[in-house]
Amino acid sequence: MSGIGTRHLGAGLPAAVSKGTRVKLVKRLALGLVVVFALFYMITRPEDAATAVEGAVGAVFGATEAVGRFFSSLVT
């Protein structure tokens, strides 16, 4: 069957490329796109990027504190 919409994503890859290798390739590509977007955001809007990082770090510290309080309340 050859027609519009019948080709799948891996059709252009060699037959020796396994499904696991394709998944790794897609993950690597997605990570690369995230890094490029983060760098672009940091360069074009540094104040907003700093605010986002501060918020993320604050959320991690808040979650860590909450987990600590949880385990403390289990002990008492």
N, C-alpha and C. Protein backbone atom coordinates (compact mmCIF):
# COMPACT_ATOMS: atom_id res chain seq x y z
N MET A 1 0.84 -1.19 0.00
CA MET A 1 0.00 0.00 0.00
C MET A 1 0.88 1.24 0.00
N SER A 2 0.81 1.98 -0.99
CA SER A 2 1.53 3.24 -0.97
C SER A 2 0.53 4.34 -1.23
N GLY A 3 0.57 5.28 -0.35
CA GLY A 3 -0.36 6.38 -0.47
C GLY A 3 -0.09 7.39 0.61
N ILE A 4 -0.84 8.43 0.61
CA ILE A 4 -0.67 9.47 1.61
C ILE A 4 -1.11 8.94 2.97
N GLY A 5 -0.27 9.14 3.97
CA GLY A 5 -0.61 8.76 5.34
C GLY A 5 -0.26 7.33 5.70
N THR A 6 0.32 6.56 4.79
CA THR A 6 0.66 5.18 5.11
C THR A 6 2.09 5.03 5.61
N ARG A 7 2.91 6.04 5.44
CA ARG A 7 4.29 5.95 5.92
C ARG A 7 4.33 6.18 7.42
N HIS A 8 5.18 5.44 8.10
CA HIS A 8 5.34 5.66 9.53
C HIS A 8 6.61 6.43 9.80
N LEU A 9 6.78 6.83 11.07
CA LEU A 9 7.86 7.73 11.46
C LEU A 9 9.24 7.18 11.12
N GLY A 10 9.46 5.88 11.27
CA GLY A 10 10.78 5.31 11.06
C GLY A 10 11.03 4.83 9.65
N ALA A 11 10.21 5.19 8.70
CA ALA A 11 10.34 4.68 7.33
C ALA A 11 11.65 5.08 6.68
N GLY A 12 12.20 6.22 7.02
CA GLY A 12 13.43 6.66 6.39
C GLY A 12 14.69 6.12 7.06
N LEU A 13 14.54 5.42 8.18
CA LEU A 13 15.70 4.89 8.90
C LEU A 13 16.10 3.54 8.32
N PRO A 14 17.39 3.20 8.39
CA PRO A 14 17.83 1.89 7.91
C PRO A 14 17.15 0.76 8.69
N ALA A 15 17.03 -0.40 8.06
CA ALA A 15 16.37 -1.54 8.70
C ALA A 15 17.12 -2.00 9.94
N ALA A 16 18.43 -1.73 10.03
CA ALA A 16 19.23 -2.18 11.17
C ALA A 16 18.95 -1.37 12.43
N VAL A 17 18.26 -0.25 12.32
CA VAL A 17 17.97 0.58 13.48
C VAL A 17 16.78 -0.03 14.21
N SER A 18 17.02 -0.46 15.45
CA SER A 18 15.96 -1.13 16.21
C SER A 18 15.02 -0.12 16.85
N LYS A 19 13.92 -0.64 17.38
CA LYS A 19 12.93 0.22 18.02
C LYS A 19 13.54 0.91 19.24
N GLY A 20 14.34 0.20 20.03
CA GLY A 20 14.99 0.79 21.20
C GLY A 20 15.92 1.92 20.83
N THR A 21 16.61 1.77 19.72
CA THR A 21 17.52 2.81 19.25
C THR A 21 16.72 4.04 18.82
N ARG A 22 15.57 3.82 18.21
CA ARG A 22 14.71 4.95 17.81
C ARG A 22 14.21 5.70 19.03
N VAL A 23 13.83 4.96 20.06
CA VAL A 23 13.35 5.60 21.29
C VAL A 23 14.46 6.44 21.90
N LYS A 24 15.66 5.91 21.95
CA LYS A 24 16.80 6.67 22.48
C LYS A 24 17.06 7.92 21.64
N LEU A 25 16.93 7.78 20.34
CA LEU A 25 17.15 8.92 19.45
C LEU A 25 16.10 10.00 19.70
N VAL A 26 14.85 9.60 19.86
CA VAL A 26 13.77 10.56 20.11
C VAL A 26 13.98 11.25 21.46
N LYS A 27 14.37 10.47 22.48
CA LYS A 27 14.62 11.06 23.80
C LYS A 27 15.78 12.05 23.74
N ARG A 28 16.83 11.70 23.03
CA ARG A 28 17.98 12.59 22.89
C ARG A 28 17.59 13.87 22.16
N LEU A 29 16.78 13.73 21.12
CA LEU A 29 16.31 14.89 20.37
C LEU A 29 15.43 15.79 21.24
N ALA A 30 14.53 15.18 22.02
CA ALA A 30 13.66 15.97 22.91
C ALA A 30 14.47 16.71 23.96
N LEU A 31 15.45 16.03 24.54
CA LEU A 31 16.31 16.68 25.54
C LEU A 31 17.08 17.84 24.91
N GLY A 32 17.58 17.64 23.71
CA GLY A 32 18.30 18.70 23.01
C GLY A 32 17.41 19.90 22.74
N LEU A 33 16.16 19.65 22.36
CA LEU A 33 15.23 20.75 22.12
C LEU A 33 14.92 21.51 23.41
N VAL A 34 14.79 20.79 24.52
CA VAL A 34 14.54 21.44 25.82
C VAL A 34 15.72 22.32 26.20
N VAL A 35 16.94 21.81 26.01
CA VAL A 35 18.13 22.58 26.35
C VAL A 35 18.24 23.83 25.46
N VAL A 36 17.98 23.67 24.18
CA VAL A 36 18.03 24.82 23.27
C VAL A 36 16.98 25.86 23.66
N PHE A 37 15.76 25.40 24.00
CA PHE A 37 14.72 26.34 24.42
C PHE A 37 15.12 27.05 25.70
N ALA A 38 15.69 26.31 26.66
CA ALA A 38 16.11 26.92 27.93
C ALA A 38 17.19 27.98 27.69
N LEU A 39 18.15 27.67 26.84
CA LEU A 39 19.20 28.65 26.52
C LEU A 39 18.61 29.88 25.82
N PHE A 40 17.70 29.64 24.87
CA PHE A 40 17.06 30.76 24.18
C PHE A 40 16.30 31.64 25.16
N TYR A 41 15.56 31.02 26.06
CA TYR A 41 14.78 31.75 27.06
C TYR A 41 15.71 32.53 27.99
N MET A 42 16.82 31.90 28.38
CA MET A 42 17.77 32.55 29.29
C MET A 42 18.44 33.75 28.61
N ILE A 43 18.72 33.64 27.33
CA ILE A 43 19.39 34.73 26.62
C ILE A 43 18.43 35.87 26.30
N THR A 44 17.21 35.52 25.90
CA THR A 44 16.28 36.57 25.48
C THR A 44 15.54 37.21 26.65
N ARG A 45 15.31 36.48 27.75
CA ARG A 45 14.57 37.02 28.90
C ARG A 45 15.25 36.56 30.19
N PRO A 46 16.43 37.08 30.50
CA PRO A 46 17.19 36.58 31.65
C PRO A 46 16.48 36.79 33.00
N GLU A 47 15.77 37.89 33.16
CA GLU A 47 15.09 38.13 34.44
C GLU A 47 13.98 37.11 34.65
N ASP A 48 13.20 36.85 33.61
CA ASP A 48 12.13 35.86 33.71
C ASP A 48 12.68 34.46 33.94
N ALA A 49 13.81 34.15 33.29
CA ALA A 49 14.43 32.84 33.48
C ALA A 49 14.91 32.69 34.92
N ALA A 50 15.50 33.74 35.48
CA ALA A 50 15.96 33.69 36.87
C ALA A 50 14.78 33.50 37.82
N THR A 51 13.69 34.18 37.55
CA THR A 51 12.49 34.03 38.38
C THR A 51 11.96 32.60 38.31
N ALA A 52 11.97 32.01 37.12
CA ALA A 52 11.51 30.63 36.95
C ALA A 52 12.40 29.66 37.73
N VAL A 53 13.71 29.87 37.66
CA VAL A 53 14.63 28.99 38.39
C VAL A 53 14.45 29.16 39.90
N GLU A 54 14.29 30.40 40.36
CA GLU A 54 14.05 30.62 41.79
C GLU A 54 12.78 29.92 42.25
N GLY A 55 11.74 29.98 41.44
CA GLY A 55 10.49 29.30 41.78
C GLY A 55 10.66 27.80 41.82
N ALA A 56 11.40 27.24 40.88
CA ALA A 56 11.62 25.79 40.85
C ALA A 56 12.44 25.34 42.06
N VAL A 57 13.48 26.10 42.39
CA VAL A 57 14.30 25.76 43.56
C VAL A 57 13.47 25.88 44.83
N GLY A 58 12.65 26.92 44.93
CA GLY A 58 11.78 27.07 46.09
C GLY A 58 10.80 25.92 46.23
N ALA A 59 10.27 25.44 45.11
CA ALA A 59 9.34 24.31 45.14
C ALA A 59 10.04 23.04 45.61
N VAL A 60 11.28 22.83 45.17
CA VAL A 60 12.03 21.64 45.60
C VAL A 60 12.31 21.71 47.10
N PHE A 61 12.74 22.87 47.59
CA PHE A 61 13.00 23.01 49.02
C PHE A 61 11.72 22.86 49.83
N GLY A 62 10.62 23.40 49.33
CA GLY A 62 9.34 23.26 50.02
C GLY A 62 8.89 21.81 50.09
N ALA A 63 9.06 21.08 48.99
CA ALA A 63 8.70 19.66 48.98
C ALA A 63 9.58 18.85 49.91
N THR A 64 10.87 19.17 49.94
CA THR A 64 11.79 18.47 50.84
C THR A 64 11.41 18.72 52.29
N GLU A 65 11.07 19.95 52.61
CA GLU A 65 10.65 20.29 53.97
C GLU A 65 9.37 19.55 54.34
N ALA A 66 8.42 19.46 53.41
CA ALA A 66 7.16 18.77 53.68
C ALA A 66 7.39 17.28 53.92
N VAL A 67 8.28 16.67 53.15
CA VAL A 67 8.59 15.25 53.35
C VAL A 67 9.26 15.05 54.72
N GLY A 68 10.14 15.96 55.08
CA GLY A 68 10.78 15.89 56.40
C GLY A 68 9.77 16.00 57.53
N ARG A 69 8.83 16.92 57.40
CA ARG A 69 7.77 17.06 58.42
C ARG A 69 6.93 15.80 58.49
N PHE A 70 6.64 15.19 57.34
CA PHE A 70 5.86 13.95 57.30
C PHE A 70 6.54 12.86 58.10
N PHE A 71 7.83 12.63 57.82
CA PHE A 71 8.53 11.57 58.53
C PHE A 71 8.72 11.90 60.01
N SER A 72 8.88 13.17 60.33
CA SER A 72 8.97 13.57 61.74
C SER A 72 7.66 13.26 62.47
N SER A 73 6.53 13.51 61.81
CA SER A 73 5.25 13.25 62.45
C SER A 73 5.00 11.75 62.58
N LEU A 74 5.60 10.92 61.73
CA LEU A 74 5.47 9.48 61.89
C LEU A 74 6.22 8.98 63.11
N VAL A 75 7.35 9.58 63.41
CA VAL A 75 8.19 9.15 64.52
C VAL A 75 7.56 9.57 65.84
N THR A 76 6.94 10.72 65.90
CA THR A 76 6.37 11.19 67.17
C THR A 76 5.02 10.64 67.45
